[in-house]
Amino acid sequence: MHSTRKAASAVRTARLACCVLLATAAALTGCERGSSDGADETATGTSGCPTVQARAREAVTRAERADIPWGGPTSGPEAVSGKNIVYVAQTMTNPGVAGAANGVREAARAIGWNVRVIDGGGTPAGIQAAMSEAVALRPSGIVIGGFDPDSTAQQAARANEQRIPLIGWHAVPDPGPSRQPDLFTNVTTRVEDVARISAQWIISDSDGRAGVVLITDASIPFARNKSDLIRKELTSCQGVRLLSVENIPIPDASTRTPREISSLLSRFQDRWTHSVAINDLYFADAAPAFRAAGEKGSGPPFNIGAGDGDPSAFQRVNSRQYQAATVPEPLSLQGWQIVDEFNRAFAGRPDSGYVAPVHIATAGNSEGATSWDPSGYREAYREIWGR
């Protein structure tokens, strides 16, 4: 990845020269409004941000380390037998949701439990119906897979009344237990860490001078919070200009993203140097539009996904095809963690308190991998469970 950045340096410099002139003009004549939700396009300066950039580069270097050992629990209750888990998915077309579901399935086989996945289809009505079905099955536990529990408040309340523990995956902004809504725990990386490192990668990669498009799904509180945090971190560098914030619901990504990308390329042209999306899947849908416009797969614009690190994202990163980096969730690990947290709930023990570390995967450090997880978690959990 470092060689790619050096090779593209001259291209970025030439493209950003135009950015500088336009930013200066904007400062004198007013703001260009180009966002679907009113992104701030005011020129923020042309001198970069040496101090912020140096701090960002240090953080990115740490996050790009691939040799992360297992830092999670090494003790806990032995396996409780005969449990049935239902995983309610926001939509199985979301690679992160699907990846975590697959991790739950794998871990359940290891511990000796049964798992059923119910797909909410990405719509409020579908998710509510899926949760109603899950509660009616009276399982041992239910996973809230990537949606806001408040959107199924009645169903969640019935589960609580029946003493069915609920565990979230990206269900609320913070990892750990939640009382409102009532979750035994929520399994996720810290959204602040993911948002910060995504923005820091852009600041570092651009030498503190970038024109950025941010893509989010404002209908999901977790995603909206992530994009707000990314936006805030980007503003810490006076040489970074937020061109547009695009609100594209994940269920509509395949139809809307290509159209929006084409429009953005027309509007911003060489001013657009970097993109960050709250989910990698947007870049899968963006690739045809970039390709049709004659944009090189290796960029610019240089694209980073602030989640979830599914195999297709790694393939784009490794082949340098319209995605330069991803901040992957350790999806398989998180599926195993969900099963372990249920086992602790069933045994009357508190949650483990484990939060996976943040990581950046690029073509330079992934070594052709199609996923990322800290090493040793399967062995650690099997040892805990006695399996």
Protein backbone atom coordinates (compact mmCIF):
# COMPACT_ATOMS: atom_id res chain seq x y z
CA MET A 1 0.00 0.00 0.00
CA HIS A 2 2.86 2.38 0.78
CA SER A 3 4.23 1.91 -2.74
CA THR A 4 0.78 2.66 -4.14
CA ARG A 5 0.61 5.87 -2.14
CA LYS A 6 4.04 6.98 -3.36
CA ALA A 7 3.17 6.13 -6.95
CA ALA A 8 -0.01 8.19 -6.70
CA SER A 9 1.65 11.14 -4.95
CA ALA A 10 2.20 13.13 -8.11
CA VAL A 11 -1.37 12.49 -9.21
CA ARG A 12 -2.74 13.64 -5.88
CA THR A 13 -0.56 16.75 -5.91
CA ALA A 14 -1.79 17.77 -9.34
CA ARG A 15 -5.41 17.06 -8.51
CA LEU A 16 -5.23 18.83 -5.18
CA ALA A 17 -3.72 21.95 -6.71
CA CYS A 18 -7.13 22.49 -8.25
CA CYS A 19 -8.66 21.80 -4.83
CA VAL A 20 -6.56 24.51 -3.24
CA LEU A 21 -7.62 27.13 -5.79
CA LEU A 22 -11.28 26.19 -5.52
CA ALA A 23 -11.15 26.12 -1.73
CA THR A 24 -9.62 29.60 -1.68
CA ALA A 25 -12.32 30.86 -4.04
CA ALA A 26 -15.01 29.29 -1.88
CA ALA A 27 -13.63 31.03 1.19
CA LEU A 28 -14.06 34.36 -0.61
CA THR A 29 -17.34 33.83 -2.42
CA GLY A 30 -19.30 31.43 -0.23
CA CYS A 31 -20.04 27.73 0.21
CA GLU A 32 -20.98 25.20 -2.41
CA ARG A 33 -23.79 22.98 -1.12
CA GLY A 34 -23.47 19.48 -2.49
CA SER A 35 -24.60 17.07 0.21
CA SER A 36 -27.81 15.16 0.57
CA ASP A 37 -27.85 16.13 4.24
CA GLY A 38 -26.08 19.48 4.15
CA ALA A 39 -22.40 18.59 4.43
CA ASP A 40 -20.19 21.55 5.27
CA GLU A 41 -18.21 22.44 2.17
CA THR A 42 -16.65 25.61 3.55
CA ALA A 43 -12.95 25.83 2.65
CA THR A 44 -10.94 24.98 5.76
CA GLY A 45 -7.47 26.03 4.66
CA THR A 46 -4.69 24.96 2.35
CA SER A 47 -1.74 24.31 4.65
CA GLY A 48 -2.56 20.74 5.66
CA CYS A 49 -2.25 19.84 9.34
CA PRO A 50 1.32 18.75 10.22
CA THR A 51 0.68 17.95 13.89
CA VAL A 52 -2.61 16.13 13.28
CA GLN A 53 -1.10 14.36 10.29
CA ALA A 54 1.88 13.08 12.31
CA ARG A 55 -0.45 11.76 15.02
CA ALA A 56 -2.64 10.14 12.37
CA ARG A 57 0.34 8.44 10.71
CA GLU A 58 1.45 6.94 14.05
CA ALA A 59 -2.06 5.62 14.75
CA VAL A 60 -2.37 4.14 11.26
CA THR A 61 1.00 2.40 11.57
CA ARG A 62 -0.12 0.74 14.81
CA ALA A 63 -3.48 -0.25 13.35
CA GLU A 64 -1.89 -1.81 10.28
CA ARG A 65 0.00 -4.36 12.37
CA ALA A 66 -1.17 -7.83 11.40
CA ASP A 67 0.40 -9.80 14.27
CA ILE A 68 -2.25 -9.09 16.89
CA PRO A 69 -2.37 -11.86 19.53
CA TRP A 70 -5.50 -12.98 21.35
CA GLY A 71 -6.30 -10.49 24.10
CA GLY A 72 -9.74 -11.76 25.07
CA PRO A 73 -10.99 -13.92 27.93
CA THR A 74 -9.11 -17.06 28.93
CA SER A 75 -11.47 -18.15 31.71
CA GLY A 76 -15.19 -18.53 32.17
CA PRO A 77 -17.97 -21.07 32.70
CA GLU A 78 -17.88 -24.48 31.03
CA ALA A 79 -20.37 -25.11 28.24
CA VAL A 80 -24.04 -25.20 29.23
CA SER A 81 -25.71 -27.95 27.21
CA GLY A 82 -28.84 -28.09 25.08
CA LYS A 83 -29.33 -24.44 24.08
CA ASN A 84 -31.09 -23.00 21.03
CA ILE A 85 -30.17 -19.58 19.65
CA VAL A 86 -32.02 -17.45 17.11
CA TYR A 87 -30.03 -14.89 15.14
CA VAL A 88 -32.32 -12.14 13.84
CA ALA A 89 -30.51 -10.42 10.97
CA GLN A 90 -31.18 -6.85 9.86
CA THR A 91 -30.51 -8.17 6.36
CA MET A 92 -28.31 -11.02 5.23
CA THR A 93 -27.31 -8.91 2.24
CA ASN A 94 -25.23 -6.87 4.70
CA PRO A 95 -21.89 -8.74 4.68
CA GLY A 96 -21.12 -7.80 8.26
CA VAL A 97 -24.43 -9.12 9.56
CA ALA A 98 -23.98 -12.29 7.53
CA GLY A 99 -20.36 -12.73 8.61
CA ALA A 100 -21.24 -12.49 12.28
CA ALA A 101 -24.09 -14.96 11.73
CA ASN A 102 -21.67 -17.43 10.20
CA GLY A 103 -19.37 -17.01 13.19
CA VAL A 104 -22.28 -17.77 15.53
CA ARG A 105 -23.10 -20.91 13.53
CA GLU A 106 -19.50 -22.11 13.68
CA ALA A 107 -19.18 -21.45 17.41
CA ALA A 108 -22.55 -23.08 18.13
CA ARG A 109 -21.35 -26.28 16.44
CA ALA A 110 -18.24 -26.18 18.61
CA ILE A 111 -20.19 -25.76 21.85
CA GLY A 112 -23.01 -28.14 20.83
CA TRP A 113 -25.95 -25.76 20.37
CA ASN A 114 -28.52 -25.22 17.63
CA VAL A 115 -28.82 -21.94 15.71
CA ARG A 116 -31.58 -20.59 13.47
CA VAL A 117 -31.12 -17.43 11.39
CA ILE A 118 -34.17 -15.30 10.51
CA ASP A 119 -33.63 -12.61 7.89
CA GLY A 120 -35.42 -9.30 8.47
CA GLY A 121 -34.84 -8.27 4.86
CA GLY A 122 -33.67 -4.78 5.75
CA THR A 123 -37.14 -3.26 6.21
CA PRO A 124 -38.80 -2.15 9.49
CA ALA A 125 -41.77 -4.45 8.87
CA GLY A 126 -39.52 -7.38 7.97
CA ILE A 127 -37.33 -6.93 11.03
CA GLN A 128 -40.35 -6.66 13.34
CA ALA A 129 -41.84 -9.81 11.82
CA ALA A 130 -38.52 -11.63 12.22
CA MET A 131 -38.29 -10.62 15.88
CA SER A 132 -41.89 -11.67 16.49
CA GLU A 133 -41.12 -15.08 14.99
CA ALA A 134 -37.95 -15.37 17.07
CA VAL A 135 -39.74 -14.63 20.34
CA ALA A 136 -42.57 -17.04 19.45
CA LEU A 137 -40.01 -19.84 19.10
CA ARG A 138 -39.10 -19.36 22.79
CA PRO A 139 -35.38 -19.95 22.20
CA SER A 140 -32.70 -19.93 24.86
CA GLY A 141 -31.37 -16.63 23.49
CA ILE A 142 -31.84 -14.12 20.65
CA VAL A 143 -29.19 -12.16 18.76
CA ILE A 144 -30.10 -8.64 17.64
CA GLY A 145 -28.09 -8.73 14.41
CA GLY A 146 -27.26 -5.21 13.24
CA PHE A 147 -30.46 -3.25 13.92
CA ASP A 148 -31.77 -0.87 16.57
CA PRO A 149 -33.59 -2.84 19.30
CA ASP A 150 -35.89 0.15 19.84
CA SER A 151 -37.36 -0.56 16.38
CA THR A 152 -38.67 -3.84 17.82
CA ALA A 153 -39.36 -2.57 21.34
CA GLN A 154 -42.55 -4.63 21.83
CA GLN A 155 -40.89 -7.86 20.75
CA ALA A 156 -37.81 -7.14 22.87
CA ALA A 157 -40.05 -6.45 25.88
CA ARG A 158 -41.77 -9.82 25.41
CA ALA A 159 -38.38 -11.52 25.27
CA ASN A 160 -37.35 -9.77 28.48
CA GLU A 161 -40.61 -10.84 30.16
CA GLN A 162 -39.90 -14.44 29.15
CA ARG A 163 -36.34 -14.14 30.47
CA ILE A 164 -34.85 -14.76 27.03
CA PRO A 165 -31.46 -13.03 27.06
CA LEU A 166 -30.80 -10.66 24.17
CA ILE A 167 -27.31 -10.06 22.82
CA GLY A 168 -26.66 -7.41 20.21
CA TRP A 169 -24.22 -7.32 17.34
CA HIS A 170 -23.79 -3.64 16.38
CA ALA A 171 -27.21 -3.10 17.94
CA VAL A 172 -26.35 -0.04 20.05
CA PRO A 173 -23.40 2.36 19.76
CA ASP A 174 -21.31 1.01 22.64
CA PRO A 175 -19.95 -2.45 23.45
CA GLY A 176 -21.03 -4.12 26.68
CA PRO A 177 -24.29 -4.45 28.63
CA SER A 178 -27.22 -2.12 27.96
CA ARG A 179 -30.18 -1.36 30.18
CA GLN A 180 -32.23 0.75 27.77
CA PRO A 181 -32.70 -1.31 25.64
CA ASP A 182 -32.12 -4.32 27.86
CA LEU A 183 -29.26 -6.34 26.35
CA PHE A 184 -27.04 -8.78 28.22
CA THR A 185 -24.25 -7.29 26.12
CA ASN A 186 -23.57 -5.74 22.73
CA VAL A 187 -20.71 -7.18 20.68
CA THR A 188 -18.89 -4.65 18.53
CA THR A 189 -15.63 -2.83 18.19
CA ARG A 190 -15.69 0.66 19.67
CA VAL A 191 -17.31 2.84 17.05
CA GLU A 192 -15.16 5.76 18.18
CA ASP A 193 -12.01 3.79 17.39
CA VAL A 194 -13.26 2.65 13.97
CA ALA A 195 -14.42 6.13 13.01
CA ARG A 196 -11.23 7.79 14.23
CA ILE A 197 -8.83 5.42 12.48
CA SER A 198 -10.80 5.63 9.20
CA ALA A 199 -10.52 9.41 9.19
CA GLN A 200 -6.89 9.25 10.32
CA TRP A 201 -6.08 6.95 7.39
CA ILE A 202 -7.41 9.61 5.00
CA ILE A 203 -5.47 12.36 6.78
CA SER A 204 -2.28 10.28 6.69
CA ASP A 205 -2.72 8.99 3.14
CA SER A 206 -3.44 12.47 1.73
CA ASP A 207 -0.63 14.26 3.62
CA GLY A 208 -3.32 16.29 5.31
CA ARG A 209 -4.96 17.55 2.10
CA ALA A 210 -8.04 15.78 0.77
CA GLY A 211 -11.46 16.24 -0.75
CA VAL A 212 -13.68 13.63 0.87
CA VAL A 213 -17.04 12.01 0.16
CA LEU A 214 -18.65 10.29 3.16
CA ILE A 215 -21.30 7.58 2.61
CA THR A 216 -23.64 6.49 5.41
CA ASP A 217 -27.03 4.99 6.21
CA ALA A 218 -28.78 7.51 8.44
CA SER A 219 -31.65 5.10 9.10
CA ILE A 220 -29.40 2.98 11.34
CA PRO A 221 -28.43 4.81 14.57
CA PHE A 222 -25.15 2.91 14.84
CA ALA A 223 -24.18 3.84 11.27
CA ARG A 224 -25.30 7.44 11.67
CA ASN A 225 -23.27 7.80 14.84
CA LYS A 226 -20.22 6.31 13.10
CA SER A 227 -20.44 8.75 10.20
CA ASP A 228 -20.89 11.69 12.58
CA LEU A 229 -17.71 10.64 14.39
CA ILE A 230 -15.82 10.25 11.11
CA ARG A 231 -16.95 13.70 10.09
CA LYS A 232 -15.80 15.17 13.39
CA GLU A 233 -12.34 13.57 13.11
CA LEU A 234 -11.90 14.79 9.54
CA THR A 235 -12.49 18.35 10.69
CA SER A 236 -9.45 18.09 12.99
CA CYS A 237 -7.32 18.59 9.86
CA GLN A 238 -7.68 22.03 8.33
CA GLY A 239 -6.49 20.79 4.94
CA VAL A 240 -9.31 18.23 4.61
CA ARG A 241 -12.49 19.34 2.90
CA LEU A 242 -15.73 17.36 3.23
CA LEU A 243 -17.30 17.56 -0.21
CA SER A 244 -20.49 15.63 0.46
CA VAL A 245 -22.26 13.31 2.88
CA GLU A 246 -24.38 10.80 0.98
CA ASN A 247 -27.23 9.05 2.81
CA ILE A 248 -27.84 5.73 1.04
CA PRO A 249 -29.81 3.09 2.99
CA ILE A 250 -27.99 -0.23 2.89
CA PRO A 251 -30.97 -2.13 1.39
CA ASP A 252 -30.96 0.41 -1.49
CA ALA A 253 -27.19 0.41 -1.99
CA SER A 254 -27.13 -1.78 -5.09
CA THR A 255 -29.52 0.48 -7.00
CA ARG A 256 -28.66 3.91 -5.64
CA THR A 257 -24.89 3.80 -5.18
CA PRO A 258 -23.90 3.57 -8.88
CA ARG A 259 -26.19 6.47 -9.72
CA GLU A 260 -24.89 8.61 -6.85
CA ILE A 261 -21.26 7.85 -7.69
CA SER A 262 -21.77 8.94 -11.29
CA SER A 263 -23.35 12.18 -10.09
CA LEU A 264 -20.55 12.84 -7.59
CA LEU A 265 -17.86 12.26 -10.22
CA SER A 266 -19.57 14.77 -12.47
CA ARG A 267 -19.95 17.36 -9.71
CA PHE A 268 -16.57 17.15 -8.01
CA GLN A 269 -14.24 15.70 -10.64
CA ASP A 270 -10.59 16.07 -9.52
CA ARG A 271 -11.55 17.65 -6.21
CA TRP A 272 -12.69 14.19 -5.03
CA THR A 273 -9.54 12.46 -3.73
CA HIS A 274 -10.81 10.14 -0.97
CA SER A 275 -13.98 8.39 0.16
CA VAL A 276 -15.03 6.76 3.40
CA ALA A 277 -18.15 4.62 3.82
CA ILE A 278 -19.66 3.18 6.98
CA ASN A 279 -19.78 -0.21 5.25
CA ASP A 280 -17.56 -1.81 2.61
CA LEU A 281 -20.51 -2.93 0.49
CA TYR A 282 -20.95 0.56 -0.92
CA PHE A 283 -17.67 0.20 -2.82
CA ALA A 284 -18.80 -3.07 -4.38
CA ASP A 285 -21.77 -1.18 -5.78
CA ALA A 286 -19.65 1.87 -6.65
CA ALA A 287 -17.08 -0.05 -8.70
CA PRO A 288 -19.12 -0.24 -11.95
CA ALA A 289 -19.71 3.51 -11.90
CA PHE A 290 -16.02 4.25 -11.28
CA ARG A 291 -15.08 1.83 -14.04
CA ALA A 292 -17.57 3.31 -16.49
CA ALA A 293 -16.15 6.78 -15.82
CA GLY A 294 -12.63 5.58 -16.60
CA GLU A 295 -11.33 5.89 -13.06
CA LYS A 296 -8.39 3.66 -12.22
CA GLY A 297 -9.02 0.87 -9.74
CA SER A 298 -6.03 1.99 -7.68
CA GLY A 299 -7.46 5.50 -7.32
CA PRO A 300 -7.93 8.34 -6.86
CA PRO A 301 -10.38 8.56 -5.29
CA PHE A 302 -8.82 6.35 -2.61
CA ASN A 303 -11.60 4.54 -0.76
CA ILE A 304 -11.68 3.15 2.78
CA GLY A 305 -14.52 1.17 4.34
CA ALA A 306 -15.15 1.81 8.03
CA GLY A 307 -16.54 -1.76 8.36
CA ASP A 308 -17.12 -4.59 7.96
CA GLY A 309 -14.20 -6.31 6.22
CA ASP A 310 -16.12 -9.04 4.41
CA PRO A 311 -14.29 -11.27 1.87
CA SER A 312 -15.35 -9.20 -1.14
CA ALA A 313 -13.90 -6.07 0.49
CA PHE A 314 -10.59 -7.84 1.01
CA GLN A 315 -10.63 -8.96 -2.62
CA ARG A 316 -11.09 -5.37 -3.79
CA VAL A 317 -8.35 -4.16 -1.46
CA ASN A 318 -5.92 -6.92 -2.41
CA SER A 319 -6.47 -6.37 -6.14
CA ARG A 320 -6.53 -2.58 -5.78
CA GLN A 321 -9.92 -2.36 -7.43
CA TYR A 322 -11.75 0.73 -6.17
CA GLN A 323 -10.96 0.16 -2.51
CA ALA A 324 -7.63 0.97 -0.89
CA ALA A 325 -8.32 -0.07 2.71
CA THR A 326 -10.87 -1.48 5.11
CA VAL A 327 -11.29 -1.33 8.88
CA PRO A 328 -12.55 -4.88 9.30
CA GLU A 329 -14.67 -6.20 12.08
CA PRO A 330 -13.31 -9.57 13.23
CA LEU A 331 -16.63 -11.11 12.19
CA SER A 332 -15.88 -14.76 12.92
CA LEU A 333 -14.39 -13.89 16.29
CA GLN A 334 -17.43 -11.79 17.15
CA GLY A 335 -19.71 -14.72 16.34
CA TRP A 336 -17.72 -16.85 18.75
CA GLN A 337 -17.84 -14.09 21.33
CA ILE A 338 -21.63 -13.91 21.04
CA VAL A 339 -21.89 -17.63 21.83
CA ASP A 340 -19.49 -17.26 24.75
CA GLU A 341 -21.49 -14.33 26.12
CA PHE A 342 -24.70 -16.39 25.93
CA ASN A 343 -22.93 -19.18 27.78
CA ARG A 344 -22.01 -16.71 30.53
CA ALA A 345 -25.61 -15.48 30.68
CA PHE A 346 -26.95 -19.03 30.95
CA ALA A 347 -24.46 -19.77 33.74
CA GLY A 348 -25.50 -16.67 35.68
CA ARG A 349 -22.16 -14.95 35.10
CA PRO A 350 -21.50 -11.36 33.92
CA ASP A 351 -20.41 -10.57 30.39
CA SER A 352 -16.73 -10.96 29.49
CA GLY A 353 -16.09 -7.27 28.86
CA TYR A 354 -13.98 -8.07 25.80
CA VAL A 355 -13.79 -5.56 22.93
CA ALA A 356 -11.84 -6.47 19.78
CA PRO A 357 -9.01 -4.12 18.74
CA VAL A 358 -9.21 -1.83 15.72
CA HIS A 359 -7.28 -2.84 12.59
CA ILE A 360 -6.64 -1.50 9.07
CA ALA A 361 -6.21 -3.97 6.21
CA THR A 362 -4.50 -2.91 2.98
CA ALA A 363 -2.95 -4.73 0.04
CA GLY A 364 0.37 -4.21 1.77
CA ASN A 365 -0.43 -6.05 5.01
CA SER A 366 -3.26 -8.51 4.31
CA GLU A 367 -1.03 -10.99 2.45
CA GLY A 368 -3.96 -12.06 0.29
CA ALA A 369 -6.27 -12.84 3.22
CA THR A 370 -10.02 -12.43 2.85
CA SER A 371 -10.78 -11.79 6.52
CA TRP A 372 -9.09 -10.62 9.69
CA ASP A 373 -9.29 -11.97 13.22
CA PRO A 374 -6.82 -11.91 16.10
CA SER A 375 -5.20 -15.32 16.39
CA GLY A 376 -6.01 -17.88 19.06
CA TYR A 377 -9.66 -17.11 19.81
CA ARG A 378 -11.07 -20.49 18.77
CA GLU A 379 -8.58 -22.34 20.95
CA ALA A 380 -9.23 -19.96 23.86
CA TYR A 381 -13.01 -20.35 23.74
CA ARG A 382 -12.84 -24.13 23.34
CA GLU A 383 -10.57 -24.27 26.38
CA ILE A 384 -13.04 -22.17 28.38
CA TRP A 385 -16.01 -24.29 27.33
CA GLY A 386 -14.27 -27.60 27.81
CA ARG A 387 -14.98 -28.51 24.17
